[in-house]
Amino acid sequence: GLQACESVRAGTVLIQDFPLYAEQTILDSSDSLAAFAALPAQKRETILEMATVEGPSVAEIGYSDEELAFLRVLRANSVTIPDSGRAIYAVACRANHSCKPNAALRAPLCAAEPLCLVALRPIDAGDEVTVSYIGEGALLRSTLHRRQLLKRWGFTCSCERCIGLDETRGFRCGSCGKQDAYFYPHGDTNNWAPCCKCGIEAPPGLEAAEASWAERERVARDAHAAAFYDGLLSGAAEDPASAPAPDAHWIAWKFGRRAMPALLKTNGAAALRAAQRQRNFANKVLGNAASIANAEALSAEAAVASQAEKQTLARALLDAALVEVMCLPRTAEEVVDRLQREWLELQEWNSQDEDIAVRKIDGASLSDLAQSLTAHRELVEA
């Protein structure tokens, strides 16, 4: 594992790491072994000291000793790099997984650049630096779903989220009427805990109601997402035990996200409330870490502000969203490009010049984002 040597802000580059081993496109096992054998002995030794995960038995037939160990290290530790390649890094690959990570691996744009380990939220000196081995969308899902995905790494996650209450599956307590009063199931047992505020026992039927809404989310087309989302909001308001809490359940988050384009066209006030619910949900689940979910919600809030002709606020919200996603892995590049276009439309600046200016944030100067991210978070909360 890795440990922070000093306290850092969100956006700080913790490590810049060049690969010990890299494949520009993923090779078959025999070619990977040939490339590994061509490495200097010291690099081979460093790689073989890393954690391993057994692959499918059929894929390991015919390999033994050092060859088998390398293939297992490659399976457990390789990081996706641009153009569908993969690489192993000496330090960054030693970061352990957490479903509430405080850092992320940001892959380089080309082989000549280092991989960056970037803080997603403030980290205190002595804290373990953790990353997620699964995507952000999966992190916003249930404990059971995450554990299924993590099986490929050969371990059962025991992070604070996985051993505690599953805060992605909340139903609002209709008895005490307090803010943030929810029923959550235990992540490891699936048994519903009492209300987190008043302590009353969970009503029967929550799991059945949840399963019903999960099926609706699975089959619903995007064109109908707004109607389903409205139905979920109405159901939760009339009978909290009949529908997931709008601001405390992954199903509500997904419906709200899918409904957002329609809401922005038809009902700005509803879009704003949906964005705020999404942002609150993501921040609670991920511990106020930088996230695509948060950036997308900020973008929606910016769109509503722009519709209301509050251009200064809209630009500030888009600034915050852009700073947020610049900390994230390359999987967020599509979101970055979209936010840049939205920002440029507001600024009415030359798109080519501004694109260069924004791209300069990437790489070694990424540490400069730390102060900006903190400032923007404070502005948005205000």
Foldseek 3Di string as FASTA:
>chain_A
DAFAQAKAFFLAFRDWWAFLDKDLADDQLVVRVVRLVPHPPVSLVLLLVDDFFDDPPVSCPPDDDSSRSNVRSCQQQWDAAPNHMTGHTNPPSRAAADLQFQWAWAHDNDNVGTITIGGQGIDGGGDRHHYHPDDPLQSLAALVSSQVVCVSNPDRDDHPCQQAFTQQFWFADPPPPDPPWTWTAGNVPRHIFATPPPRHRDDPDQVVLVVVLVVCLVPDDLVCLLVSLVVQVVCCVVPSSNHTDCQGHSSNLSSLVSCLVVCLVPPLVVNLVSLVSQLNRSCVSNVNTQDLSNLVSLQSVLSSCVVVVVLVSSLLSLLLSLLSCLRHYPVCVVVNVVSLVVNCVSVVDDSVVVVVVSCVCDGPVSSVSRVVNVVSVVVVVD
